Protein backbone atom coordinates (compact mmCIF):
# COMPACT_ATOMS: atom_id res chain seq x y z
CA MET A 1 -17.00 -42.72 23.38
CA ASP A 2 -20.63 -43.92 23.60
CA GLN A 3 -21.80 -46.61 21.13
CA VAL A 4 -22.69 -45.11 17.74
CA GLN A 5 -26.49 -44.51 17.25
CA TYR A 6 -26.23 -42.38 14.03
CA VAL A 7 -24.84 -43.06 10.52
CA THR A 8 -24.77 -41.75 7.10
CA VAL A 9 -25.55 -44.23 4.28
CA GLN A 10 -24.13 -43.78 0.88
CA THR A 11 -25.19 -44.80 -2.60
CA THR A 12 -24.90 -43.79 -6.21
CA THR A 13 -27.16 -43.77 -9.19
CA ASP A 14 -26.60 -43.06 -12.92
CA SER A 15 -29.64 -40.61 -13.18
CA ALA A 16 -30.95 -37.69 -11.39
CA ALA A 17 -34.44 -39.08 -11.76
CA GLU A 18 -33.64 -42.33 -9.92
CA ALA A 19 -31.72 -40.39 -7.29
CA GLU A 20 -34.61 -38.10 -6.51
CA ARG A 21 -37.12 -41.06 -6.58
CA LEU A 22 -34.87 -43.10 -4.09
CA ALA A 23 -34.33 -40.04 -1.85
CA ALA A 24 -38.08 -39.13 -1.74
CA GLN A 25 -38.96 -42.77 -0.93
CA ALA A 26 -36.32 -43.03 1.75
CA VAL A 27 -37.77 -39.98 3.45
CA GLN A 28 -41.46 -40.79 3.12
CA GLN A 29 -40.91 -44.40 4.43
CA LYS A 30 -38.92 -42.96 7.35
CA LEU A 31 -35.78 -44.82 6.50
CA ALA A 32 -33.81 -41.53 6.58
CA ALA A 33 -34.48 -38.08 8.06
CA CYS A 34 -32.59 -36.38 5.21
CA VAL A 35 -31.10 -37.31 1.98
CA GLN A 36 -28.49 -35.15 0.04
CA ILE A 37 -27.86 -35.76 -3.75
CA ALA A 38 -24.63 -34.60 -5.22
CA GLN A 39 -23.13 -34.93 -8.63
CA VAL A 40 -20.03 -36.89 -8.64
CA ARG A 41 -17.73 -38.44 -11.18
CA SER A 42 -16.90 -42.21 -10.61
CA PHE A 43 -13.90 -44.02 -11.87
CA TYR A 44 -14.13 -47.87 -11.23
CA GLN A 45 -13.73 -51.25 -12.55
CA TRP A 46 -16.79 -53.40 -13.37
CA GLN A 47 -16.90 -56.79 -15.11
CA GLY A 48 -13.48 -56.34 -16.48
CA GLN A 49 -13.75 -52.82 -17.87
CA THR A 50 -12.75 -49.46 -16.57
CA HIS A 51 -15.50 -46.99 -16.31
CA ASP A 52 -15.47 -43.13 -15.99
CA ASP A 53 -19.15 -42.17 -15.33
CA ALA A 54 -21.22 -39.16 -14.03
CA GLU A 55 -23.27 -40.51 -11.09
CA HIS A 56 -25.43 -39.02 -8.32
CA LEU A 57 -24.30 -39.65 -4.81
CA LEU A 58 -27.03 -40.09 -2.25
CA THR A 59 -26.08 -39.49 1.40
CA LEU A 60 -28.81 -40.68 3.85
CA LYS A 61 -28.86 -39.46 7.55
CA THR A 62 -30.32 -41.90 9.73
CA THR A 63 -29.96 -44.17 12.91
CA VAL A 64 -28.14 -47.51 13.09
CA ALA A 65 -31.45 -49.13 13.66
CA HIS A 66 -32.55 -48.27 10.16
CA VAL A 67 -29.72 -49.56 8.30
CA PRO A 68 -31.18 -53.07 7.75
CA GLY A 69 -34.35 -51.40 6.20
CA ILE A 70 -32.20 -49.39 4.02
CA LYS A 71 -30.21 -52.25 2.77
CA GLU A 72 -33.61 -54.16 1.87
CA PHE A 73 -34.94 -50.90 0.26
CA LEU A 74 -31.97 -50.49 -1.92
CA ALA A 75 -31.85 -54.13 -2.90
CA ARG A 76 -35.46 -53.85 -4.01
CA GLU A 77 -35.62 -50.39 -5.45
CA HIS A 78 -32.17 -49.49 -6.92
CA SER A 79 -31.54 -50.32 -10.73
CA TYR A 80 -27.84 -51.36 -10.29
CA ASP A 81 -26.85 -55.04 -10.14
CA GLU A 82 -24.70 -54.35 -7.19
CA PRO A 83 -25.62 -50.79 -5.75
CA GLU A 84 -23.12 -49.15 -3.50
CA LEU A 85 -23.94 -49.39 0.06
CA ILE A 86 -21.47 -47.73 2.67
CA VAL A 87 -22.44 -47.06 6.12
CA GLN A 88 -20.32 -44.36 8.06
CA PRO A 89 -20.79 -43.78 11.71
CA ILE A 90 -21.44 -40.29 12.90
CA ILE A 91 -19.35 -39.93 15.98
CA ALA A 92 -20.52 -36.64 17.09
CA GLY A 93 -22.98 -33.93 15.96
CA SER A 94 -25.10 -31.40 17.36
CA ALA A 95 -27.52 -32.65 19.92
CA GLY A 96 -30.45 -30.77 18.23
CA TYR A 97 -29.71 -32.15 14.83
CA LEU A 98 -29.38 -35.78 15.96
CA GLU A 99 -32.48 -35.37 18.07
CA TRP A 100 -34.29 -34.34 15.01
CA VAL A 101 -32.84 -37.32 13.00
CA SER A 102 -34.16 -39.67 15.93
CA GLN A 103 -37.59 -38.14 15.76
CA THR A 104 -37.87 -38.02 12.07
CA VAL A 105 -37.24 -41.72 11.44
CA SER A 106 -39.02 -42.97 14.57
CA ASP A 107 -42.36 -45.03 13.97
């Protein structure tokens, strides 16, 4: 298998407005070719308490090279004290789609 070049990056927010703002900025800044937003329900422990919250899951489609920029972007723009940041490799995909991702996020 070739070295991974493409990834998805996940983060969550507690409001649709913030999810939409982050998605639009990530695309405008060419950090991601596409960002999908889905409503999810999250159960988690935070600061000694169990939470059950409605959240908005953002999935950013991008290249490995853009992950450092996304990390900086989320650290600067996200409202959470510790925003979720999970990077998952795309090990295969349609050639045309992956080429579109590359072209869309290139400088």
